[in-house]
Amino acid sequence: MNSHRLNEKGRRMGPIMGHTVQYRRMIITLQQGYSIPPLRIKIN
C-alpha cells in the first residue's frame, strides 16, 4: 500500500484567495488471486 498527499488547489472566494482541502491518495496493490469485495450500499 502506497500513499501520497495531493497538492492543494487555489480557489477564489471574492477578493480572498483560499484553497481546497488537502487529502491523501492511497494505492493498494494486491497479490495474484486476491480481490476486494465491492461495497454494498443500502437504499431505503
Protein backbone atom coordinates (compact mmCIF):
# COMPACT_ATOMS: atom_id res chain seq x y z
CA MET A 1 0.00 0.00 0.00
CA ASN A 2 1.41 3.36 -1.04
CA SER A 3 0.08 6.79 -0.21
CA HIS A 4 0.84 10.38 -1.11
CA ARG A 5 -0.68 13.79 -0.44
CA LEU A 6 -2.20 15.65 -3.36
CA ASN A 7 -1.43 19.33 -3.76
CA GLU A 8 -3.94 21.94 -2.67
CA LYS A 9 -5.57 23.90 -5.47
CA GLY A 10 -6.20 27.63 -5.24
CA ARG A 11 -9.81 28.74 -5.01
CA ARG A 12 -11.03 32.30 -5.22
CA MET A 13 -13.83 33.42 -2.89
CA GLY A 14 -14.43 37.03 -3.89
CA PRO A 15 -11.31 39.11 -3.25
CA ILE A 16 -9.87 36.43 -0.93
CA MET A 17 -7.76 33.60 -2.31
CA GLY A 18 -8.40 30.34 -0.45
CA HIS A 19 -7.54 26.71 -1.16
CA THR A 20 -9.25 23.34 -1.36
CA VAL A 21 -8.91 20.69 1.35
CA GLN A 22 -5.73 18.63 1.16
CA TYR A 23 -6.32 14.87 1.08
CA ARG A 24 -4.34 11.67 0.72
CA ARG A 25 -4.49 9.20 -2.19
CA MET A 26 -4.00 5.52 -1.35
CA ILE A 27 -2.75 2.97 -3.90
CA ILE A 28 -3.34 -0.65 -2.90
CA THR A 29 -1.56 -3.49 -4.72
CA LEU A 30 -2.96 -6.99 -4.26
CA GLN A 31 -1.24 -10.33 -4.73
CA GLN A 32 -2.29 -12.61 -7.56
CA GLY A 33 -5.68 -14.21 -6.79
CA TYR A 34 -6.73 -11.71 -4.10
CA SER A 35 -9.59 -9.24 -4.57
CA ILE A 36 -11.53 -6.61 -2.65
CA PRO A 37 -15.29 -7.22 -2.49
CA PRO A 38 -17.48 -4.36 -3.82
CA LEU A 39 -19.21 -2.10 -1.30
CA ARG A 40 -22.93 -2.66 -0.86
CA ILE A 41 -24.99 0.45 -0.27
CA LYS A 42 -28.44 0.07 1.30
CA ILE A 43 -31.09 2.22 -0.37
CA ASN A 44 -34.22 2.77 1.72
